[in-house]
Amino acid sequence: SSGINAEYGGFDSLVMLGAGTITLSVLTGGSLFYLTSKASLLLSRRSKEYNERLLDFNRRLNFHRCSSSTSLSDDYYGEKILDLTDYRFWVRKQQEKKKELAKPKKSLFSKKN
C-alpha cells in the first residue's frame, strides 16, 4: 500500500526523498558548474587573450630578471607586482642589481701605484 508510511527498499519515503534530492542537486550543480566555468574558460576568447598576456608578461619578467642575485629578500618572481607602477619599480630594481653585479669588485689585496 502506498501512503504516508510507505517504504522503498527498506527505507522510509522521506529518507528516500531527501537522498534523491541531494543526489540530484549535486549532479545538477556539478554539471552546471562545469558547463559555466570550464567550457566557457576554454572556449572563450578572453582566456586566449589572457593566456597570451600572461605569457608576454612572464617573458618580460624573464628578460629583466637579474638571475645572478642570491638575495632571498628580493622579489625574484615578481610576486608583489600588482599594477604597472609595481612592474616599473621591479624593473628598476632588477636593472640596479645588474649594474651592481657588472661593476668590477675591489680586491683587498690590490696593488697601489
Protein backbone atom coordinates (compact mmCIF):
# COMPACT_ATOMS: atom_id res chain seq x y z
CA SER A 1 0.00 0.00 0.00
CA SER A 2 1.34 3.38 -0.93
CA GLY A 3 0.66 6.02 1.64
CA ILE A 4 2.49 8.27 4.04
CA ASN A 5 4.24 5.38 5.77
CA ALA A 6 5.38 3.58 2.59
CA GLU A 7 8.90 2.14 2.48
CA TYR A 8 11.17 1.81 -0.56
CA GLY A 9 13.95 -0.73 -0.34
CA GLY A 10 13.65 -0.82 3.43
CA PHE A 11 13.95 2.96 3.79
CA ASP A 12 11.29 5.42 4.79
CA SER A 13 9.84 7.55 1.98
CA LEU A 14 11.15 10.81 3.50
CA VAL A 15 14.68 9.39 3.66
CA MET A 16 14.47 8.32 0.03
CA LEU A 17 13.06 11.69 -0.99
CA GLY A 18 15.89 13.50 0.85
CA ALA A 19 18.58 11.26 -0.61
CA GLY A 20 17.15 11.69 -4.11
CA THR A 21 17.00 15.47 -3.74
CA ILE A 22 20.60 15.68 -2.52
CA THR A 23 21.85 13.39 -5.28
CA LEU A 24 20.00 15.28 -7.98
CA SER A 25 21.19 18.67 -6.70
CA VAL A 26 24.81 17.53 -6.55
CA LEU A 27 24.71 16.13 -10.08
CA THR A 28 22.89 19.16 -11.49
CA GLY A 29 25.08 21.65 -9.65
CA GLY A 30 28.27 19.90 -10.71
CA SER A 31 27.30 19.75 -14.33
CA LEU A 32 26.13 23.38 -14.37
CA PHE A 33 29.38 24.48 -12.74
CA TYR A 34 31.39 22.53 -15.28
CA LEU A 35 29.47 23.96 -18.19
CA THR A 36 29.67 27.55 -16.98
CA SER A 37 33.28 27.59 -15.78
CA LYS A 38 35.44 25.10 -17.65
CA ALA A 39 33.81 25.25 -21.04
CA SER A 40 33.44 29.00 -21.03
CA LEU A 41 37.06 29.47 -19.99
CA LEU A 42 38.37 27.01 -22.55
CA LEU A 43 36.24 28.21 -25.42
CA SER A 44 36.14 31.93 -24.84
CA ARG A 45 38.42 34.45 -26.48
CA ARG A 46 39.10 36.08 -23.15
CA SER A 47 41.02 33.09 -21.90
CA LYS A 48 43.13 33.02 -25.07
CA GLU A 49 43.89 36.74 -24.76
CA TYR A 50 44.56 36.33 -21.05
CA ASN A 51 46.98 33.45 -21.66
CA GLU A 52 48.78 35.44 -24.36
CA ARG A 53 49.13 38.40 -22.00
CA LEU A 54 50.33 36.16 -19.20
CA LEU A 55 52.96 34.58 -21.46
CA ASP A 56 54.10 38.02 -22.63
CA PHE A 57 54.32 39.23 -19.02
CA ASN A 58 56.37 36.19 -18.00
CA ARG A 59 58.72 36.68 -20.97
CA ARG A 60 59.27 40.27 -19.88
CA LEU A 61 59.96 39.19 -16.31
CA ASN A 62 62.49 36.63 -17.52
CA PHE A 63 64.16 39.23 -19.74
CA HIS A 64 64.54 41.84 -16.98
CA ARG A 65 65.27 39.45 -14.10
CA CYS A 66 68.73 39.63 -12.59
CA SER A 67 69.44 35.93 -12.33
CA SER A 68 72.79 36.27 -10.54
CA SER A 69 71.18 37.71 -7.46
CA THR A 70 71.28 35.40 -4.48
CA SER A 71 69.37 37.55 -2.00
CA LEU A 72 66.25 35.86 -0.72
CA SER A 73 64.65 39.18 0.18
CA ASP A 74 64.25 40.39 -3.40
CA ASP A 75 61.12 39.73 -5.41
CA TYR A 76 62.73 37.31 -7.88
CA TYR A 77 59.49 36.02 -9.38
CA GLY A 78 57.64 39.35 -9.39
CA GLU A 79 55.03 38.12 -6.94
CA LYS A 80 54.47 41.59 -5.49
CA ILE A 81 53.64 43.12 -8.88
CA LEU A 82 50.01 44.20 -8.87
CA ASP A 83 49.95 47.05 -11.37
CA LEU A 84 52.10 48.94 -13.87
CA THR A 85 53.75 51.08 -11.18
CA ASP A 86 54.87 47.98 -9.28
CA TYR A 87 56.17 46.46 -12.52
CA ARG A 88 58.24 49.56 -13.35
CA PHE A 89 59.63 49.64 -9.81
CA TRP A 90 60.54 45.95 -10.07
CA VAL A 91 62.31 46.52 -13.41
CA ARG A 92 64.30 49.44 -11.96
CA LYS A 93 65.38 47.31 -9.01
CA GLN A 94 66.47 44.48 -11.31
CA GLN A 95 68.43 46.92 -13.50
CA GLU A 96 70.18 48.31 -10.41
CA LYS A 97 71.16 44.79 -9.36
CA LYS A 98 72.51 44.06 -12.84
CA LYS A 99 74.62 47.24 -12.74
CA GLU A 100 75.98 46.36 -9.29
CA LEU A 101 76.96 42.89 -10.46
CA ALA A 102 78.60 44.29 -13.61
CA LYS A 103 80.93 46.56 -11.62
CA PRO A 104 84.41 45.15 -11.06
CA LYS A 105 84.86 44.06 -7.47
CA LYS A 106 87.52 45.72 -5.41
CA SER A 107 90.10 43.36 -4.06
CA LEU A 108 91.58 43.74 -0.60
CA PHE A 109 94.96 42.76 -2.00
CA SER A 110 95.14 45.10 -5.00
CA LYS A 111 98.44 46.86 -5.68
CA LYS A 112 98.71 50.59 -5.11
CA ASN A 113 100.84 52.58 -7.56
